[in-house]
Every structure is written in structure tokens, then in C-alpha cells.
Amino acid sequence: MDKKLYISSKAFWDVDYDNLINQAEQFPDFIIRKVFEYGTFDDVINTVNYYGGKKAIESLTTAGFLNEKTLHFASAFFMIEKSNFKCYTNKQQRHFYSKRSKI
């Protein structure tokens, strides 16, 4: 039985959507992050069901950057503290260093 990812093209205006969906197994991090940032709620549910919650959590928590809205949503969706996201801790460090560099 072939598993297929069923998501809208809403989050993928900048890539070849059909080709991406046909090769979904090769680009899990890209797809998960784009869907959480720009996709619909149904897209999020279908993506988590397709890749599994563990892979989605890994992809999002190791992302170097997520916008604030996506970070808060992913944190609430998976019930994970924001401090467990790499992008959150990186943001905190950048804020600290930027204030220190003004001396």
C-alpha cells in the first residue's frame, strides 16, 4: 500500500508542488516546517499523520528559525515548552549578544 501525503498547495507557492508531493519522503523537514508556517490546519493534521508526531516534533524543535506565530502554535499543538525549540534558544542568545555588543 502506497502512502500519499494529502495537503493543499497553499504553503508551496515557491516550489514545484506536484514534484514535491511525489517525493515527499525525501523532504520531510522542508515540508513539515512550511506546512506549520503557511499551511492550513488540515494540512498540519495530514502532515503529522503522514510523517508521524515524533518526526514532526524533531523537525520543528531542531529548526534554526520559525516565526513567532509558528513557534507558539507548534509549542501548543505538541504541548512542548518553547525553550525546547532550537530557534527559541537561538533567539534568546542573539538578543543577549546584541545588547552586549552596544557597549
PDB file of N, CA and C in Angstrom:
ATOM      1  N   MET A   1       0.843  -1.181   0.000  1.00  0.00           N
ATOM      2  CA  MET A   1       0.000   0.000   0.000  1.00  0.00           C
ATOM      3  C   MET A   1       0.887   1.243   0.000  1.00  0.00           C
ATOM      4  N   ASP A   2       0.723   2.073  -0.987  1.00  0.00           N
ATOM      5  CA  ASP A   2       1.489   3.316  -1.064  1.00  0.00           C
ATOM      6  C   ASP A   2       0.820   4.388  -0.228  1.00  0.00           C
ATOM      7  N   LYS A   3       1.618   5.019   0.595  1.00  0.00           N
ATOM      8  CA  LYS A   3       1.155   6.109   1.431  1.00  0.00           C
ATOM      9  C   LYS A   3       1.369   7.406   0.664  1.00  0.00           C
ATOM     10  N   LYS A   4       0.377   8.275   0.628  1.00  0.00           N
ATOM     11  CA  LYS A   4       0.492   9.542  -0.087  1.00  0.00           C
ATOM     12  C   LYS A   4       0.167  10.677   0.857  1.00  0.00           C
ATOM     13  N   LEU A   5       0.905  11.759   0.716  1.00  0.00           N
ATOM     14  CA  LEU A   5       0.692  12.952   1.524  1.00  0.00           C
ATOM     15  C   LEU A   5      -0.378  13.809   0.855  1.00  0.00           C
ATOM     16  N   TYR A   6      -1.459  14.060   1.556  1.00  0.00           N
ATOM     17  CA  TYR A   6      -2.559  14.874   1.036  1.00  0.00           C
ATOM     18  C   TYR A   6      -2.591  16.216   1.751  1.00  0.00           C
ATOM     19  N   ILE A   7      -1.997  17.214   1.100  1.00  0.00           N
ATOM     20  CA  ILE A   7      -2.014  18.575   1.630  1.00  0.00           C
ATOM     21  C   ILE A   7      -2.270  19.538   0.477  1.00  0.00           C
ATOM     22  N   SER A   8      -2.740  20.718   0.818  1.00  0.00           N
ATOM     23  CA  SER A   8      -3.001  21.727  -0.200  1.00  0.00           C
ATOM     24  C   SER A   8      -1.682  22.352  -0.670  1.00  0.00           C
ATOM     25  N   SER A   9      -1.748  23.069  -1.750  1.00  0.00           N
ATOM     26  CA  SER A   9      -0.549  23.732  -2.285  1.00  0.00           C
ATOM     27  C   SER A   9      -0.340  25.106  -1.657  1.00  0.00           C
ATOM     28  N   LYS A  10      -1.191  25.514  -0.721  1.00  0.00           N
ATOM     29  CA  LYS A  10      -1.147  26.837  -0.097  1.00  0.00           C
ATOM     30  C   LYS A  10       0.248  27.231   0.399  1.00  0.00           C
ATOM     31  N   ALA A  11       0.949  26.330   1.030  1.00  0.00           N
ATOM     32  CA  ALA A  11       2.253  26.641   1.624  1.00  0.00           C
ATOM     33  C   ALA A  11       3.411  26.542   0.632  1.00  0.00           C
ATOM     34  N   PHE A  12       3.124  26.100  -0.582  1.00  0.00           N
ATOM     35  CA  PHE A  12       4.215  25.788  -1.515  1.00  0.00           C
ATOM     36  C   PHE A  12       4.116  26.587  -2.811  1.00  0.00           C
ATOM     37  N   TRP A  13       3.889  27.867  -2.692  1.00  0.00           N
ATOM     38  CA  TRP A  13       3.796  28.732  -3.859  1.00  0.00           C
ATOM     39  C   TRP A  13       5.138  28.905  -4.570  1.00  0.00           C
ATOM     40  N   ASP A  14       6.227  28.654  -3.872  1.00  0.00           N
ATOM     41  CA  ASP A  14       7.554  28.946  -4.397  1.00  0.00           C
ATOM     42  C   ASP A  14       8.301  27.726  -4.930  1.00  0.00           C
ATOM     43  N   VAL A  15       7.657  26.556  -4.950  1.00  0.00           N
ATOM     44  CA  VAL A  15       8.298  25.332  -5.447  1.00  0.00           C
ATOM     45  C   VAL A  15       7.335  24.583  -6.354  1.00  0.00           C
ATOM     46  N   ASP A  16       7.846  23.583  -7.052  1.00  0.00           N
ATOM     47  CA  ASP A  16       7.022  22.724  -7.896  1.00  0.00           C
ATOM     48  C   ASP A  16       6.251  21.768  -6.977  1.00  0.00           C
ATOM     49  N   TYR A  17       5.024  22.114  -6.688  1.00  0.00           N
ATOM     50  CA  TYR A  17       4.203  21.385  -5.718  1.00  0.00           C
ATOM     51  C   TYR A  17       4.042  19.914  -6.092  1.00  0.00           C
ATOM     52  N   ASP A  18       3.689  19.625  -7.344  1.00  0.00           N
ATOM     53  CA  ASP A  18       3.448  18.237  -7.762  1.00  0.00           C
ATOM     54  C   ASP A  18       4.697  17.374  -7.588  1.00  0.00           C
ATOM     55  N   ASN A  19       5.822  17.900  -7.981  1.00  0.00           N
ATOM     56  CA  ASN A  19       7.087  17.173  -7.840  1.00  0.00           C
ATOM     57  C   ASN A  19       7.422  16.960  -6.364  1.00  0.00           C
ATOM     58  N   LEU A  20       7.203  17.981  -5.553  1.00  0.00           N
ATOM     59  CA  LEU A  20       7.486  17.888  -4.123  1.00  0.00           C
ATOM     60  C   LEU A  20       6.635  16.802  -3.462  1.00  0.00           C
ATOM     61  N   ILE A  21       5.348  16.776  -3.760  1.00  0.00           N
ATOM     62  CA  ILE A  21       4.451  15.790  -3.170  1.00  0.00           C
ATOM     63  C   ILE A  21       4.822  14.373  -3.607  1.00  0.00           C
ATOM     64  N   ASN A  22       5.232  14.226  -4.858  1.00  0.00           N
ATOM     65  CA  ASN A  22       5.645  12.906  -5.342  1.00  0.00           C
ATOM     66  C   ASN A  22       6.926  12.422  -4.674  1.00  0.00           C
ATOM     67  N   GLN A  23       7.724  13.337  -4.143  1.00  0.00           N
ATOM     68  CA  GLN A  23       8.984  12.983  -3.478  1.00  0.00           C
ATOM     69  C   GLN A  23       8.955  13.379  -1.998  1.00  0.00           C
ATOM     70  N   ALA A  24       7.798  13.307  -1.394  1.00  0.00           N
ATOM     71  CA  ALA A  24       7.600  13.779  -0.018  1.00  0.00           C
ATOM     72  C   ALA A  24       8.525  13.099   0.988  1.00  0.00           C
ATOM     73  N   GLU A  25       8.878  11.854   0.751  1.00  0.00           N
ATOM     74  CA  GLU A  25       9.754  11.131   1.681  1.00  0.00           C
ATOM     75  C   GLU A  25      11.171  11.707   1.713  1.00  0.00           C
ATOM     76  N   GLN A  26      11.562  12.400   0.658  1.00  0.00           N
ATOM     77  CA  GLN A  26      12.921  12.946   0.581  1.00  0.00           C
ATOM     78  C   GLN A  26      13.061  14.308   1.256  1.00  0.00           C
ATOM     79  N   PHE A  27      11.937  14.979   1.525  1.00  0.00           N
ATOM     80  CA  PHE A  27      11.999  16.345   2.048  1.00  0.00           C
ATOM     81  C   PHE A  27      11.124  16.554   3.288  1.00  0.00           C
ATOM     82  N   PRO A  28      11.221  15.691   4.286  1.00  0.00           N
ATOM     83  CA  PRO A  28      10.304  15.820   5.422  1.00  0.00           C
ATOM     84  C   PRO A  28      10.453  17.125   6.207  1.00  0.00           C
ATOM     85  N   ASP A  29      11.674  17.551   6.490  1.00  0.00           N
ATOM     86  CA  ASP A  29      11.861  18.767   7.278  1.00  0.00           C
ATOM     87  C   ASP A  29      11.309  19.984   6.547  1.00  0.00           C
ATOM     88  N   PHE A  30      11.612  20.100   5.268  1.00  0.00           N
ATOM     89  CA  PHE A  30      11.130  21.226   4.465  1.00  0.00           C
ATOM     90  C   PHE A  30       9.605  21.263   4.473  1.00  0.00           C
ATOM     91  N   ILE A  31       8.977  20.139   4.222  1.00  0.00           N
ATOM     92  CA  ILE A  31       7.519  20.082   4.135  1.00  0.00           C
ATOM     93  C   ILE A  31       6.877  20.360   5.494  1.00  0.00           C
ATOM     94  N   ILE A  32       7.374  19.733   6.529  1.00  0.00           N
ATOM     95  CA  ILE A  32       6.802  19.937   7.867  1.00  0.00           C
ATOM     96  C   ILE A  32       6.884  21.405   8.268  1.00  0.00           C
ATOM     97  N   ARG A  33       8.031  22.009   8.098  1.00  0.00           N
ATOM     98  CA  ARG A  33       8.205  23.404   8.518  1.00  0.00           C
ATOM     99  C   ARG A  33       7.347  24.356   7.696  1.00  0.00           C
ATOM    100  N   LYS A  34       7.280  24.136   6.382  1.00  0.00           N
ATOM    101  CA  LYS A  34       6.449  25.005   5.528  1.00  0.00           C
ATOM    102  C   LYS A  34       4.976  24.855   5.854  1.00  0.00           C
ATOM    103  N   VAL A  35       4.526  23.638   6.088  1.00  0.00           N
ATOM    104  CA  VAL A  35       3.116  23.417   6.416  1.00  0.00           C
ATOM    105  C   VAL A  35       2.768  24.083   7.737  1.00  0.00           C
ATOM    106  N   PHE A  36       3.617  23.964   8.746  1.00  0.00           N
ATOM    107  CA  PHE A  36       3.330  24.595  10.030  1.00  0.00           C
ATOM    108  C   PHE A  36       3.362  26.119   9.916  1.00  0.00           C
ATOM    109  N   GLU A  37       4.197  26.656   9.038  1.00  0.00           N
ATOM    110  CA  GLU A  37       4.256  28.108   8.887  1.00  0.00           C
ATOM    111  C   GLU A  37       3.139  28.665   8.009  1.00  0.00           C
ATOM    112  N   TYR A  38       2.819  27.994   6.900  1.00  0.00           N
ATOM    113  CA  TYR A  38       1.924  28.594   5.912  1.00  0.00           C
ATOM    114  C   TYR A  38       0.711  27.755   5.535  1.00  0.00           C
ATOM    115  N   GLY A  39       0.635  26.528   5.999  1.00  0.00           N
ATOM    116  CA  GLY A  39      -0.449  25.641   5.602  1.00  0.00           C
ATOM    117  C   GLY A  39      -1.722  25.845   6.416  1.00  0.00           C
ATOM    118  N   THR A  40      -2.736  25.115   6.028  1.00  0.00           N
ATOM    119  CA  THR A  40      -3.997  25.137   6.763  1.00  0.00           C
ATOM    120  C   THR A  40      -3.914  24.164   7.932  1.00  0.00           C
ATOM    121  N   PHE A  41      -4.893  24.242   8.826  1.00  0.00           N
ATOM    122  CA  PHE A  41      -4.907  23.316   9.956  1.00  0.00           C
ATOM    123  C   PHE A  41      -5.053  21.871   9.479  1.00  0.00           C
ATOM    124  N   ASP A  42      -5.865  21.654   8.451  1.00  0.00           N
ATOM    125  CA  ASP A  42      -6.000  20.310   7.880  1.00  0.00           C
ATOM    126  C   ASP A  42      -4.667  19.822   7.316  1.00  0.00           C
ATOM    127  N   ASP A  43      -3.905  20.724   6.702  1.00  0.00           N
ATOM    128  CA  ASP A  43      -2.579  20.361   6.188  1.00  0.00           C
ATOM    129  C   ASP A  43      -1.664  19.924   7.328  1.00  0.00           C
ATOM    130  N   VAL A  44      -1.731  20.627   8.441  1.00  0.00           N
ATOM    131  CA  VAL A  44      -0.909  20.282   9.612  1.00  0.00           C
ATOM    132  C   VAL A  44      -1.265  18.873  10.100  1.00  0.00           C
ATOM    133  N   ILE A  45      -2.549  18.612  10.256  1.00  0.00           N
ATOM    134  CA  ILE A  45      -3.001  17.300  10.728  1.00  0.00           C
ATOM    135  C   ILE A  45      -2.548  16.202   9.767  1.00  0.00           C
ATOM    136  N   ASN A  46      -2.746  16.407   8.476  1.00  0.00           N
ATOM    137  CA  ASN A  46      -2.360  15.393   7.482  1.00  0.00           C
ATOM    138  C   ASN A  46      -0.849  15.188   7.444  1.00  0.00           C
ATOM    139  N   THR A  47      -0.091  16.248   7.623  1.00  0.00           N
ATOM    140  CA  THR A  47       1.370  16.142   7.617  1.00  0.00           C
ATOM    141  C   THR A  47       1.859  15.362   8.836  1.00  0.00           C
ATOM    142  N   VAL A  48       1.294  15.652   9.999  1.00  0.00           N
ATOM    143  CA  VAL A  48       1.679  14.929  11.221  1.00  0.00           C
ATOM    144  C   VAL A  48       1.285  13.459  11.099  1.00  0.00           C
ATOM    145  N   ASN A  49       0.125  13.195  10.536  1.00  0.00           N
ATOM    146  CA  ASN A  49      -0.288  11.802  10.341  1.00  0.00           C
ATOM    147  C   ASN A  49       0.622  11.076   9.355  1.00  0.00           C
ATOM    148  N   TYR A  50       1.077  11.778   8.332  1.00  0.00           N
ATOM    149  CA  TYR A  50       1.926  11.170   7.299  1.00  0.00           C
ATOM    150  C   TYR A  50       3.325  10.863   7.835  1.00  0.00           C
ATOM    151  N   TYR A  51       3.962  11.852   8.453  1.00  0.00           N
ATOM    152  CA  TYR A  51       5.339  11.666   8.924  1.00  0.00           C
ATOM    153  C   TYR A  51       5.418  11.107  10.343  1.00  0.00           C
ATOM    154  N   GLY A  52       4.362  11.278  11.100  1.00  0.00           N
ATOM    155  CA  GLY A  52       4.361  10.858  12.495  1.00  0.00           C
ATOM    156  C   GLY A  52       4.712  12.019  13.408  1.00  0.00           C
ATOM    157  N   GLY A  53       4.148  11.990  14.588  1.00  0.00           N
ATOM    158  CA  GLY A  53       4.380  13.061  15.540  1.00  0.00           C
ATOM    159  C   GLY A  53       5.829  13.204  15.946  1.00  0.00           C
ATOM    160  N   LYS A  54       6.506  12.087  16.108  1.00  0.00           N
ATOM    161  CA  LYS A  54       7.911  12.123  16.534  1.00  0.00           C
ATOM    162  C   LYS A  54       8.782  12.865  15.512  1.00  0.00           C
ATOM    163  N   LYS A  55       8.587  12.573  14.228  1.00  0.00           N
ATOM    164  CA  LYS A  55       9.368  13.239  13.179  1.00  0.00           C
ATOM    165  C   LYS A  55       9.003  14.720  13.094  1.00  0.00           C
ATOM    166  N   ALA A  56       7.726  15.042  13.224  1.00  0.00           N
ATOM    167  CA  ALA A  56       7.303  16.443  13.170  1.00  0.00           C
ATOM    168  C   ALA A  56       7.908  17.233  14.328  1.00  0.00           C
ATOM    169  N   ILE A  57       7.880  16.667  15.515  1.00  0.00           N
ATOM    170  CA  ILE A  57       8.467  17.331  16.679  1.00  0.00           C
ATOM    171  C   ILE A  57       9.966  17.523  16.478  1.00  0.00           C
ATOM    172  N   GLU A  58      10.635  16.498  16.018  1.00  0.00           N
ATOM    173  CA  GLU A  58      12.083  16.601  15.775  1.00  0.00           C
ATOM    174  C   GLU A  58      12.389  17.698  14.760  1.00  0.00           C
ATOM    175  N   SER A  59      11.640  17.729  13.684  1.00  0.00           N
ATOM    176  CA  SER A  59      11.868  18.719  12.638  1.00  0.00           C
ATOM    177  C   SER A  59      11.659  20.143  13.151  1.00  0.00           C
ATOM    178  N   LEU A  60      10.617  20.350  13.908  1.00  0.00           N
ATOM    179  CA  LEU A  60      10.298  21.696  14.396  1.00  0.00           C
ATOM    180  C   LEU A  60      11.204  22.132  15.532  1.00  0.00           C
ATOM    181  N   THR A  61      11.548  21.227  16.426  1.00  0.00           N
ATOM    182  CA  THR A  61      12.394  21.616  17.562  1.00  0.00           C
ATOM    183  C   THR A  61      13.846  21.843  17.158  1.00  0.00           C
ATOM    184  N   THR A  62      14.270  21.286  16.034  1.00  0.00           N
ATOM    185  CA  THR A  62      15.648  21.488  15.578  1.00  0.00           C
ATOM    186  C   THR A  62      15.775  22.585  14.524  1.00  0.00           C
ATOM    187  N   ALA A  63      14.667  23.208  14.155  1.00  0.00           N
ATOM    188  CA  ALA A  63      14.700  24.261  13.143  1.00  0.00           C
ATOM    189  C   ALA A  63      15.498  25.453  13.648  1.00  0.00           C
ATOM    190  N   GLY A  64      16.341  25.986  12.802  1.00  0.00           N
ATOM    191  CA  GLY A  64      17.126  27.162  13.168  1.00  0.00           C
ATOM    192  C   GLY A  64      16.282  28.416  13.269  1.00  0.00           C
ATOM    193  N   PHE A  65      15.153  28.436  12.555  1.00  0.00           N
ATOM    194  CA  PHE A  65      14.258  29.591  12.600  1.00  0.00           C
ATOM    195  C   PHE A  65      12.821  29.154  12.373  1.00  0.00           C
ATOM    196  N   LEU A  66      11.940  29.656  13.179  1.00  0.00           N
ATOM    197  CA  LEU A  66      10.489  29.591  12.978  1.00  0.00           C
ATOM    198  C   LEU A  66       9.957  30.961  13.368  1.00  0.00           C
ATOM    199  N   ASN A  67       8.986  31.472  12.616  1.00  0.00           N
ATOM    200  CA  ASN A  67       8.446  32.766  13.027  1.00  0.00           C
ATOM    201  C   ASN A  67       7.701  32.599  14.358  1.00  0.00           C
ATOM    202  N   GLU A  68       7.453  33.714  15.029  1.00  0.00           N
ATOM    203  CA  GLU A  68       6.859  33.677  16.376  1.00  0.00           C
ATOM    204  C   GLU A  68       5.532  32.932  16.407  1.00  0.00           C
ATOM    205  N   LYS A  69       4.686  33.206  15.435  1.00  0.00           N
ATOM    206  CA  LYS A  69       3.365  32.571  15.386  1.00  0.00           C
ATOM    207  C   LYS A  69       3.499  31.054  15.269  1.00  0.00           C
ATOM    208  N   THR A  70       4.391  30.597  14.413  1.00  0.00           N
ATOM    209  CA  THR A  70       4.599  29.164  14.216  1.00  0.00           C
ATOM    210  C   THR A  70       5.184  28.520  15.464  1.00  0.00           C
ATOM    211  N   LEU A  71       6.121  29.187  16.097  1.00  0.00           N
ATOM    212  CA  LEU A  71       6.718  28.677  17.331  1.00  0.00           C
ATOM    213  C   LEU A  71       5.651  28.491  18.411  1.00  0.00           C
ATOM    214  N   HIS A  72       4.806  29.490  18.605  1.00  0.00           N
ATOM    215  CA  HIS A  72       3.749  29.390  19.617  1.00  0.00           C
ATOM    216  C   HIS A  72       2.752  28.293  19.261  1.00  0.00           C
ATOM    217  N   PHE A  73       2.385  28.208  17.977  1.00  0.00           N
ATOM    218  CA  PHE A  73       1.438  27.192  17.542  1.00  0.00           C
ATOM    219  C   PHE A  73       2.002  25.782  17.752  1.00  0.00           C
ATOM    220  N   ALA A  74       3.237  25.552  17.301  1.00  0.00           N
ATOM    221  CA  ALA A  74       3.854  24.234  17.433  1.00  0.00           C
ATOM    222  C   ALA A  74       4.017  23.854  18.904  1.00  0.00           C
ATOM    223  N   SER A  75       4.378  24.818  19.719  1.00  0.00           N
ATOM    224  CA  SER A  75       4.528  24.582  21.151  1.00  0.00           C
ATOM    225  C   SER A  75       3.198  24.144  21.764  1.00  0.00           C
ATOM    226  N   ALA A  76       2.119  24.825  21.419  1.00  0.00           N
ATOM    227  CA  ALA A  76       0.798  24.479  21.946  1.00  0.00           C
ATOM    228  C   ALA A  76       0.274  23.180  21.341  1.00  0.00           C
ATOM    229  N   PHE A  77       0.478  22.994  20.045  1.00  0.00           N
ATOM    230  CA  PHE A  77      -0.028  21.813  19.344  1.00  0.00           C
ATOM    231  C   PHE A  77       0.544  20.530  19.936  1.00  0.00           C
ATOM    232  N   PHE A  78       1.850  20.531  20.189  1.00  0.00           N
ATOM    233  CA  PHE A  78       2.510  19.338  20.720  1.00  0.00           C
ATOM    234  C   PHE A  78       2.676  19.371  22.244  1.00  0.00           C
ATOM    235  N   MET A  79       2.241  20.466  22.875  1.00  0.00           N
ATOM    236  CA  MET A  79       2.378  20.647  24.325  1.00  0.00           C
ATOM    237  C   MET A  79       3.844  20.506  24.748  1.00  0.00           C
ATOM    238  N   ILE A  80       4.687  21.287  24.076  1.00  0.00           N
ATOM    239  CA  ILE A  80       6.122  21.307  24.343  1.00  0.00           C
ATOM    240  C   ILE A  80       6.507  22.733  24.736  1.00  0.00           C
ATOM    241  N   GLU A  81       7.310  22.868  25.765  1.00  0.00           N
ATOM    242  CA  GLU A  81       7.788  24.188  26.169  1.00  0.00           C
ATOM    243  C   GLU A  81       8.580  24.847  25.030  1.00  0.00           C
ATOM    244  N   LYS A  82       8.406  26.141  24.864  1.00  0.00           N
ATOM    245  CA  LYS A  82       9.133  26.862  23.809  1.00  0.00           C
ATOM    246  C   LYS A  82      10.639  26.761  24.001  1.00  0.00           C
ATOM    247  N   SER A  83      11.085  26.625  25.216  1.00  0.00           N
ATOM    248  CA  SER A  83      12.523  26.529  25.485  1.00  0.00           C
ATOM    249  C   SER A  83      13.140  25.256  24.900  1.00  0.00           C
ATOM    250  N   ASN A  84      12.315  24.290  24.491  1.00  0.00           N
ATOM    251  CA  ASN A  84      12.821  23.071  23.863  1.00  0.00           C
ATOM    252  C   ASN A  84      13.060  23.241  22.369  1.00  0.00           C
ATOM    253  N   PHE A  85      12.724  24.386  21.818  1.00  0.00           N
ATOM    254  CA  PHE A  85      12.923  24.650  20.396  1.00  0.00           C
ATOM    255  C   PHE A  85      14.251  25.369  20.191  1.00  0.00           C
ATOM    256  N   LYS A  86      15.051  24.863  19.292  1.00  0.00           N
ATOM    257  CA  LYS A  86      16.354  25.456  19.000  1.00  0.00           C
ATOM    258  C   LYS A  86      16.207  26.922  18.591  1.00  0.00           C
ATOM    259  N   CYS A  87      15.207  27.223  17.775  1.00  0.00           N
ATOM    260  CA  CYS A  87      15.043  28.599  17.306  1.00  0.00           C
ATOM    261  C   CYS A  87      14.721  29.542  18.465  1.00  0.00           C
ATOM    262  N   TYR A  88      14.069  29.065  19.494  1.00  0.00           N
ATOM    263  CA  TYR A  88      13.753  29.887  20.656  1.00  0.00           C
ATOM    264  C   TYR A  88      15.012  30.188  21.458  1.00  0.00           C
ATOM    265  N   THR A  89      15.818  29.169  21.696  1.00  0.00           N
ATOM    266  CA  THR A  89      17.049  29.388  22.458  1.00  0.00           C
ATOM    267  C   THR A  89      18.043  30.220  21.655  1.00  0.00           C
ATOM    268  N   ASN A  90      18.086  30.042  20.337  1.00  0.00           N
ATOM    269  CA  ASN A  90      18.950  30.875  19.493  1.00  0.00           C
ATOM    270  C   ASN A  90      18.521  32.332  19.562  1.00  0.00           C
ATOM    271  N   LYS A  91      17.225  32.563  19.550  1.00  0.00           N
ATOM    272  CA  LYS A  91      16.701  33.926  19.624  1.00  0.00           C
ATOM    273  C   LYS A  91      17.111  34.578  20.940  1.00  0.00           C
ATOM    274  N   GLN A  92      17.028  33.841  22.022  1.00  0.00           N
ATOM    275  CA  GLN A  92      17.405  34.375  23.321  1.00  0.00           C
ATOM    276  C   GLN A  92      18.890  34.742  23.340  1.00  0.00           C
ATOM    277  N   GLN A  93      19.723  33.906  22.745  1.00  0.00           N
ATOM    278  CA  GLN A  93      21.159  34.181  22.709  1.00  0.00           C
ATOM    279  C   GLN A  93      21.461  35.389  21.842  1.00  0.00           C
ATOM    280  N   ARG A  94      20.819  35.506  20.695  1.00  0.00           N
ATOM    281  CA  ARG A  94      21.037  36.659  19.813  1.00  0.00           C
ATOM    282  C   ARG A  94      20.651  37.947  20.522  1.00  0.00           C
ATOM    283  N   HIS A  95      19.561  37.915  21.256  1.00  0.00           N
ATOM    284  CA  HIS A  95      19.103  39.092  21.977  1.00  0.00           C
ATOM    285  C   HIS A  95      20.143  39.501  23.018  1.00  0.00           C
ATOM    286  N   PHE A  96      20.681  38.547  23.745  1.00  0.00           N
ATOM    287  CA  PHE A  96      21.685  38.819  24.762  1.00  0.00           C
ATOM    288  C   PHE A  96      22.941  39.417  24.133  1.00  0.00           C
ATOM    289  N   TYR A  97      23.437  38.796  23.056  1.00  0.00           N
ATOM    290  CA  TYR A  97      24.670  39.279  22.440  1.00  0.00           C
ATOM    291  C   TYR A  97      24.482  40.621  21.765  1.00  0.00           C
ATOM    292  N   SER A  98      23.322  40.893  21.206  1.00  0.00           N
ATOM    293  CA  SER A  98      23.131  42.162  20.533  1.00  0.00           C
ATOM    294  C   SER A  98      23.143  43.304  21.543  1.00  0.00           C
ATOM    295  N   LYS A  99      22.630  43.092  22.743  1.00  0.00           N
ATOM    296  CA  LYS A  99      22.662  44.139  23.770  1.00  0.00           C
ATOM    297  C   LYS A  99      24.090  44.334  24.297  1.00  0.00           C
ATOM    298  N   ARG A 100      24.830  43.242  24.389  1.00  0.00           N
ATOM    299  CA  ARG A 100      26.198  43.333  24.896  1.00  0.00           C
ATOM    300  C   ARG A 100      27.108  44.019  23.889  1.00  0.00           C
ATOM    301  N   SER A 101      26.829  43.884  22.595  1.00  0.00           N
ATOM    302  CA  SER A 101      27.733  44.446  21.591  1.00  0.00           C
ATOM    303  C   SER A 101      27.599  45.963  21.484  1.00  0.00           C
ATOM    304  N   LYS A 102      26.599  46.572  22.135  1.00  0.00           N
ATOM    305  CA  LYS A 102      26.415  48.028  22.073  1.00  0.00           C
ATOM    306  C   LYS A 102      27.254  48.768  23.082  1.00  0.00           C
ATOM    307  N   ILE A 103      28.032  48.044  23.840  1.00  0.00           N
ATOM    308  CA  ILE A 103      28.865  48.679  24.885  1.00  0.00           C
ATOM    309  C   ILE A 103      29.964  49.481  24.268  1.00  0.00           C
TER     310      ILE A 103
END
